Amino acid sequence: MASMKSNVLKANKSAVRKQKKSSSSDTAVMRRKVKQNFAAQVDAFIQRYRPALEVLAKR
C-alpha cells in the first residue's frame, strides 16, 4: 500500500512540474506578445503625433 501511495505522489509531482514548465513558457509567450503590442502602439502614437511633437520640440 505504501509503495502505491509513493508512486501516486511521484506521478503528481511530475505532473505539477510539467504544468509549471508549460505555464512558465506560456508566461514568456504572453510577455513577448505584450511587448510586441506595446511597441506597435508606441510606433502608431509616434507616427500620428510626430508633426505636433516636432513643433513642440522647436519651441
N, C-alpha and C. Protein backbone atom coordinates (compact mmCIF):
# COMPACT_ATOMS: atom_id res chain seq x y z
N MET A 1 0.82 -1.20 0.00
CA MET A 1 0.00 0.00 0.00
C MET A 1 0.87 1.26 0.00
N ALA A 2 1.93 1.25 0.80
CA ALA A 2 2.79 2.42 0.90
C ALA A 2 3.48 2.72 -0.43
N SER A 3 3.90 1.67 -1.15
CA SER A 3 4.58 1.92 -2.42
C SER A 3 3.61 2.48 -3.45
N MET A 4 2.36 2.07 -3.39
CA MET A 4 1.36 2.61 -4.30
C MET A 4 1.16 4.10 -4.04
N LYS A 5 1.09 4.46 -2.77
CA LYS A 5 0.93 5.86 -2.40
C LYS A 5 2.14 6.66 -2.86
N SER A 6 3.31 6.08 -2.72
CA SER A 6 4.55 6.73 -3.14
C SER A 6 4.55 6.97 -4.65
N ASN A 7 4.09 5.98 -5.41
CA ASN A 7 4.03 6.12 -6.87
C ASN A 7 3.04 7.22 -7.28
N VAL A 8 1.93 7.29 -6.59
CA VAL A 8 0.94 8.32 -6.89
C VAL A 8 1.52 9.70 -6.60
N LEU A 9 2.22 9.83 -5.48
CA LEU A 9 2.82 11.11 -5.13
C LEU A 9 3.87 11.52 -6.16
N LYS A 10 4.68 10.55 -6.61
CA LYS A 10 5.69 10.84 -7.63
C LYS A 10 5.03 11.27 -8.93
N ALA A 11 3.96 10.61 -9.30
CA ALA A 11 3.25 10.96 -10.53
C ALA A 11 2.66 12.36 -10.42
N ASN A 12 2.10 12.67 -9.25
CA ASN A 12 1.53 14.00 -9.04
C ASN A 12 2.60 15.08 -9.11
N LYS A 13 3.76 14.82 -8.48
CA LYS A 13 4.86 15.79 -8.52
C LYS A 13 5.32 16.01 -9.95
N SER A 14 5.41 14.92 -10.70
CA SER A 14 5.83 15.03 -12.09
C SER A 14 4.84 15.85 -12.90
N ALA A 15 3.57 15.62 -12.69
CA ALA A 15 2.53 16.36 -13.41
C ALA A 15 2.57 17.84 -13.04
N VAL A 16 2.78 18.13 -11.77
CA VAL A 16 2.86 19.52 -11.32
C VAL A 16 4.08 20.19 -11.94
N ARG A 17 5.19 19.49 -11.98
CA ARG A 17 6.42 20.03 -12.57
C ARG A 17 6.21 20.35 -14.05
N LYS A 18 5.57 19.43 -14.77
CA LYS A 18 5.29 19.66 -16.20
C LYS A 18 4.36 20.85 -16.38
N GLN A 19 3.36 20.97 -15.52
CA GLN A 19 2.42 22.07 -15.61
C GLN A 19 3.12 23.39 -15.36
N LYS A 20 4.03 23.43 -14.38
CA LYS A 20 4.77 24.66 -14.09
C LYS A 20 5.63 25.05 -15.27
N LYS A 21 6.27 24.07 -15.91
CA LYS A 21 7.11 24.37 -17.07
C LYS A 21 6.27 24.95 -18.20
N SER A 22 5.12 24.35 -18.46
CA SER A 22 4.29 24.85 -19.56
C SER A 22 3.72 26.22 -19.22
N SER A 23 3.38 26.45 -17.96
CA SER A 23 2.82 27.75 -17.61
C SER A 23 3.89 28.83 -17.68
N SER A 24 5.15 28.48 -17.36
CA SER A 24 6.21 29.48 -17.47
C SER A 24 6.49 29.80 -18.93
N SER A 25 6.39 28.81 -19.80
CA SER A 25 6.59 29.09 -21.23
C SER A 25 5.40 29.88 -21.77
N ASP A 26 4.20 29.59 -21.26
CA ASP A 26 3.03 30.38 -21.65
C ASP A 26 3.20 31.83 -21.21
N THR A 27 3.76 32.02 -20.01
CA THR A 27 4.01 33.36 -19.50
C THR A 27 5.01 34.08 -20.39
N ALA A 28 6.05 33.39 -20.81
CA ALA A 28 7.05 34.00 -21.68
C ALA A 28 6.44 34.41 -23.01
N VAL A 29 5.58 33.57 -23.54
CA VAL A 29 4.91 33.89 -24.81
C VAL A 29 4.01 35.11 -24.63
N MET A 30 3.28 35.15 -23.54
CA MET A 30 2.39 36.29 -23.29
C MET A 30 3.20 37.58 -23.12
N ARG A 31 4.33 37.51 -22.40
CA ARG A 31 5.17 38.69 -22.23
C ARG A 31 5.67 39.20 -23.57
N ARG A 32 6.09 38.28 -24.43
CA ARG A 32 6.57 38.66 -25.76
C ARG A 32 5.46 39.34 -26.55
N LYS A 33 4.25 38.80 -26.48
CA LYS A 33 3.12 39.39 -27.20
C LYS A 33 2.79 40.78 -26.66
N VAL A 34 2.85 40.94 -25.34
CA VAL A 34 2.57 42.24 -24.72
C VAL A 34 3.61 43.25 -25.17
N LYS A 35 4.89 42.85 -25.17
CA LYS A 35 5.95 43.76 -25.61
C LYS A 35 5.77 44.15 -27.07
N GLN A 36 5.41 43.19 -27.91
CA GLN A 36 5.20 43.49 -29.33
C GLN A 36 4.01 44.43 -29.50
N ASN A 37 2.95 44.19 -28.76
CA ASN A 37 1.76 45.03 -28.84
C ASN A 37 2.08 46.45 -28.37
N PHE A 38 2.81 46.56 -27.28
CA PHE A 38 3.19 47.87 -26.75
C PHE A 38 4.06 48.62 -27.75
N ALA A 39 5.03 47.93 -28.35
CA ALA A 39 5.90 48.56 -29.34
C ALA A 39 5.09 49.05 -30.54
N ALA A 40 4.12 48.29 -30.96
CA ALA A 40 3.26 48.70 -32.08
C ALA A 40 2.44 49.93 -31.71
N GLN A 41 1.95 49.99 -30.47
CA GLN A 41 1.17 51.14 -30.03
C GLN A 41 2.03 52.40 -29.96
N VAL A 42 3.26 52.25 -29.46
CA VAL A 42 4.18 53.39 -29.39
C VAL A 42 4.50 53.89 -30.79
N ASP A 43 4.76 52.96 -31.71
CA ASP A 43 5.05 53.33 -33.09
C ASP A 43 3.88 54.08 -33.72
N ALA A 44 2.67 53.60 -33.50
CA ALA A 44 1.48 54.26 -34.05
C ALA A 44 1.32 55.66 -33.45
N PHE A 45 1.58 55.79 -32.16
CA PHE A 45 1.49 57.10 -31.49
C PHE A 45 2.49 58.08 -32.10
N ILE A 46 3.73 57.62 -32.27
CA ILE A 46 4.76 58.50 -32.83
C ILE A 46 4.40 58.92 -34.24
N GLN A 47 3.94 57.99 -35.05
CA GLN A 47 3.57 58.33 -36.42
C GLN A 47 2.42 59.34 -36.44
N ARG A 48 1.47 59.16 -35.56
CA ARG A 48 0.30 60.04 -35.55
C ARG A 48 0.65 61.44 -35.07
N TYR A 49 1.47 61.53 -34.03
CA TYR A 49 1.72 62.82 -33.40
C TYR A 49 3.09 63.41 -33.72
N ARG A 50 3.84 62.84 -34.65
CA ARG A 50 5.18 63.34 -34.98
C ARG A 50 5.17 64.83 -35.35
N PRO A 51 4.28 65.28 -36.24
CA PRO A 51 4.30 66.71 -36.59
C PRO A 51 4.12 67.62 -35.37
N ALA A 52 3.19 67.30 -34.52
CA ALA A 52 2.96 68.11 -33.33
C ALA A 52 4.15 68.04 -32.38
N LEU A 53 4.74 66.88 -32.24
CA LEU A 53 5.90 66.73 -31.36
C LEU A 53 7.09 67.53 -31.90
N GLU A 54 7.26 67.56 -33.22
CA GLU A 54 8.36 68.32 -33.81
C GLU A 54 8.16 69.82 -33.60
N VAL A 55 6.92 70.29 -33.74
CA VAL A 55 6.62 71.71 -33.49
C VAL A 55 6.92 72.05 -32.04
N LEU A 56 6.49 71.22 -31.13
CA LEU A 56 6.75 71.47 -29.71
C LEU A 56 8.24 71.45 -29.40
N ALA A 57 8.98 70.59 -30.06
CA ALA A 57 10.42 70.49 -29.81
C ALA A 57 11.16 71.75 -30.26
N LYS A 58 10.63 72.44 -31.26
CA LYS A 58 11.28 73.65 -31.79
C LYS A 58 11.02 74.88 -30.93
N ARG A 59 10.05 74.82 -30.05
CA ARG A 59 9.71 75.99 -29.22
C ARG A 59 10.75 76.23 -28.17
